[in-house]
């Protein structure tokens, strides 16, 4: 496993470690990743989608 930077939060470090397990049987399932792991489970999906759309629109505007 690659080195994990010290400046990452404990939740994110655990999330990365769980996703990078060599043995697929030991990795988190997609449901565990999205709905149970503390790093992602508290995310406001609607807010994220609005921010993503805004960022894409900003990027597209800069490309013109």
N, C-alpha and C. Protein backbone atom coordinates (compact mmCIF):
# COMPACT_ATOMS: atom_id res chain seq x y z
N UNK A 1 0.85 -1.17 0.00
CA UNK A 1 0.00 0.00 0.00
C UNK A 1 0.90 1.24 0.00
N UNK A 2 0.53 2.24 -0.79
CA UNK A 2 1.33 3.48 -0.81
C UNK A 2 1.24 4.21 0.53
N UNK A 3 2.22 5.06 0.77
CA UNK A 3 2.21 5.86 2.00
C UNK A 3 1.04 6.84 1.96
N UNK A 4 0.41 7.01 3.10
CA UNK A 4 -0.72 7.93 3.20
C UNK A 4 -0.25 9.18 3.93
N UNK A 5 -0.45 10.34 3.33
CA UNK A 5 0.03 11.59 3.94
C UNK A 5 -0.55 11.83 5.34
N UNK A 6 0.26 12.36 6.20
CA UNK A 6 -0.15 12.64 7.58
C UNK A 6 -1.20 13.74 7.67
N UNK A 7 -1.23 14.62 6.68
CA UNK A 7 -2.15 15.76 6.77
C UNK A 7 -3.58 15.41 6.34
N UNK A 8 -3.84 14.19 5.95
CA UNK A 8 -5.20 13.76 5.64
C UNK A 8 -5.94 13.45 6.94
N UNK A 9 -7.26 13.65 6.96
CA UNK A 9 -8.05 13.35 8.15
C UNK A 9 -8.02 11.84 8.43
N UNK A 10 -8.29 11.50 9.69
CA UNK A 10 -8.31 10.09 10.09
C UNK A 10 -9.38 9.32 9.31
N UNK A 11 -10.55 9.96 9.11
CA UNK A 11 -11.63 9.30 8.35
C UNK A 11 -11.22 9.03 6.92
N UNK A 12 -10.54 10.01 6.28
CA UNK A 12 -10.13 9.83 4.89
C UNK A 12 -9.03 8.77 4.79
N UNK A 13 -8.09 8.77 5.74
CA UNK A 13 -7.04 7.74 5.73
C UNK A 13 -7.66 6.34 5.82
N UNK A 14 -8.62 6.18 6.72
CA UNK A 14 -9.28 4.88 6.87
C UNK A 14 -10.01 4.51 5.59
N UNK A 15 -10.69 5.48 4.99
CA UNK A 15 -11.42 5.26 3.74
C UNK A 15 -10.47 4.76 2.65
N UNK A 16 -9.34 5.43 2.48
CA UNK A 16 -8.36 5.04 1.46
C UNK A 16 -7.82 3.65 1.75
N UNK A 17 -7.46 3.40 3.00
CA UNK A 17 -6.94 2.07 3.37
C UNK A 17 -7.94 0.97 3.05
N UNK A 18 -9.22 1.22 3.35
CA UNK A 18 -10.24 0.20 3.10
C UNK A 18 -10.47 -0.02 1.60
N UNK A 19 -10.34 1.03 0.82
CA UNK A 19 -10.54 0.92 -0.64
C UNK A 19 -9.36 0.27 -1.35
N UNK A 20 -8.18 0.35 -0.76
CA UNK A 20 -6.97 -0.16 -1.42
C UNK A 20 -6.54 -1.55 -0.96
N UNK A 21 -7.39 -2.23 -0.25
CA UNK A 21 -7.06 -3.59 0.18
C UNK A 21 -6.82 -4.47 -1.05
N UNK A 22 -5.74 -5.25 -1.02
CA UNK A 22 -5.43 -6.13 -2.16
C UNK A 22 -6.49 -7.20 -2.38
N UNK A 23 -6.94 -7.77 -1.29
CA UNK A 23 -7.94 -8.84 -1.36
C UNK A 23 -9.33 -8.23 -1.52
N UNK A 24 -9.98 -8.45 -2.65
CA UNK A 24 -11.30 -7.86 -2.88
C UNK A 24 -12.32 -8.20 -1.79
N UNK A 25 -12.16 -9.37 -1.18
CA UNK A 25 -13.09 -9.78 -0.11
C UNK A 25 -12.95 -8.89 1.12
N UNK A 26 -11.80 -8.23 1.28
CA UNK A 26 -11.56 -7.37 2.44
C UNK A 26 -11.95 -5.91 2.17
N UNK A 27 -12.18 -5.57 0.90
CA UNK A 27 -12.53 -4.19 0.55
C UNK A 27 -13.96 -3.88 0.92
N UNK A 28 -14.24 -2.59 1.04
CA UNK A 28 -15.61 -2.15 1.28
C UNK A 28 -16.46 -2.41 0.04
N UNK A 29 -17.73 -2.72 0.26
CA UNK A 29 -18.66 -2.83 -0.86
C UNK A 29 -19.08 -1.42 -1.26
N UNK A 30 -19.70 -1.26 -2.40
CA UNK A 30 -20.15 0.05 -2.83
C UNK A 30 -21.16 0.64 -1.84
N UNK A 31 -22.03 -0.19 -1.30
CA UNK A 31 -22.99 0.30 -0.30
C UNK A 31 -22.28 0.77 0.97
N UNK A 32 -21.25 0.03 1.39
CA UNK A 32 -20.49 0.45 2.57
C UNK A 32 -19.77 1.76 2.31
N UNK A 33 -19.21 1.90 1.11
CA UNK A 33 -18.48 3.12 0.77
C UNK A 33 -19.42 4.33 0.77
N UNK A 34 -20.54 4.21 0.10
CA UNK A 34 -21.43 5.36 -0.08
C UNK A 34 -22.32 5.65 1.11
N UNK A 35 -22.74 4.63 1.84
CA UNK A 35 -23.76 4.85 2.86
C UNK A 35 -23.33 4.58 4.29
N UNK A 36 -22.21 3.89 4.48
CA UNK A 36 -21.84 3.52 5.85
C UNK A 36 -20.53 4.12 6.32
N UNK A 37 -19.54 4.26 5.42
CA UNK A 37 -18.25 4.76 5.88
C UNK A 37 -18.39 6.23 6.28
N UNK A 38 -17.87 6.61 7.44
CA UNK A 38 -18.03 7.99 7.93
C UNK A 38 -17.52 9.07 6.98
N UNK A 39 -16.53 8.75 6.16
CA UNK A 39 -15.99 9.77 5.26
C UNK A 39 -17.02 10.25 4.25
N UNK A 40 -17.85 9.36 3.74
CA UNK A 40 -18.84 9.76 2.73
C UNK A 40 -20.28 9.75 3.21
N UNK A 41 -20.57 9.06 4.26
CA UNK A 41 -21.97 8.86 4.65
C UNK A 41 -22.69 10.15 5.04
N UNK A 42 -21.98 11.17 5.47
CA UNK A 42 -22.63 12.40 5.90
C UNK A 42 -22.71 13.47 4.83
N UNK A 43 -22.35 13.13 3.61
CA UNK A 43 -22.32 14.12 2.54
C UNK A 43 -23.74 14.44 2.06
N UNK A 44 -23.98 15.70 1.81
CA UNK A 44 -25.25 16.16 1.26
C UNK A 44 -25.15 16.01 -0.27
N UNK A 45 -25.77 14.98 -0.80
CA UNK A 45 -25.65 14.66 -2.22
C UNK A 45 -26.18 15.78 -3.12
N UNK A 46 -27.27 16.40 -2.73
CA UNK A 46 -27.83 17.49 -3.54
C UNK A 46 -26.86 18.67 -3.61
N UNK A 47 -26.28 19.00 -2.48
CA UNK A 47 -25.31 20.11 -2.45
C UNK A 47 -24.09 19.78 -3.32
N UNK A 48 -23.61 18.55 -3.23
CA UNK A 48 -22.47 18.14 -4.04
C UNK A 48 -22.78 18.24 -5.54
N UNK A 49 -23.98 17.82 -5.91
CA UNK A 49 -24.37 17.88 -7.32
C UNK A 49 -24.44 19.33 -7.79
N UNK A 50 -24.99 20.22 -6.98
CA UNK A 50 -25.06 21.64 -7.35
C UNK A 50 -23.65 22.22 -7.52
N UNK A 51 -22.76 21.88 -6.60
CA UNK A 51 -21.39 22.39 -6.67
C UNK A 51 -20.68 21.83 -7.90
N UNK A 52 -20.89 20.55 -8.19
CA UNK A 52 -20.26 19.93 -9.36
C UNK A 52 -20.74 20.60 -10.64
N UNK A 53 -22.05 20.82 -10.75
CA UNK A 53 -22.60 21.47 -11.94
C UNK A 53 -22.03 22.88 -12.09
N UNK A 54 -21.93 23.61 -10.97
CA UNK A 54 -21.35 24.96 -11.01
C UNK A 54 -19.90 24.91 -11.48
N UNK A 55 -19.12 23.97 -10.96
CA UNK A 55 -17.71 23.86 -11.34
C UNK A 55 -17.55 23.49 -12.81
N UNK A 56 -18.41 22.60 -13.30
CA UNK A 56 -18.35 22.22 -14.72
C UNK A 56 -18.70 23.42 -15.59
N UNK A 57 -19.72 24.16 -15.21
CA UNK A 57 -20.10 25.35 -15.98
C UNK A 57 -18.97 26.37 -15.97
N UNK A 58 -18.34 26.60 -14.82
CA UNK A 58 -17.21 27.52 -14.73
C UNK A 58 -16.06 27.06 -15.62
N UNK A 59 -15.77 25.77 -15.59
CA UNK A 59 -14.70 25.23 -16.42
C UNK A 59 -15.01 25.44 -17.89
N UNK A 60 -16.23 25.14 -18.29
CA UNK A 60 -16.62 25.31 -19.70
C UNK A 60 -16.53 26.77 -20.13
N UNK A 61 -16.93 27.67 -19.25
CA UNK A 61 -16.84 29.10 -19.57
C UNK A 61 -15.39 29.53 -19.79
N UNK A 62 -14.48 28.98 -19.01
CA UNK A 62 -13.05 29.35 -19.16
C UNK A 62 -12.44 28.77 -20.43
N UNK A 63 -13.04 27.71 -20.96
CA UNK A 63 -12.51 27.08 -22.17
C UNK A 63 -12.90 27.82 -23.44
N UNK A 64 -13.87 28.72 -23.35
CA UNK A 64 -14.35 29.43 -24.55
C UNK A 64 -13.55 30.66 -24.82
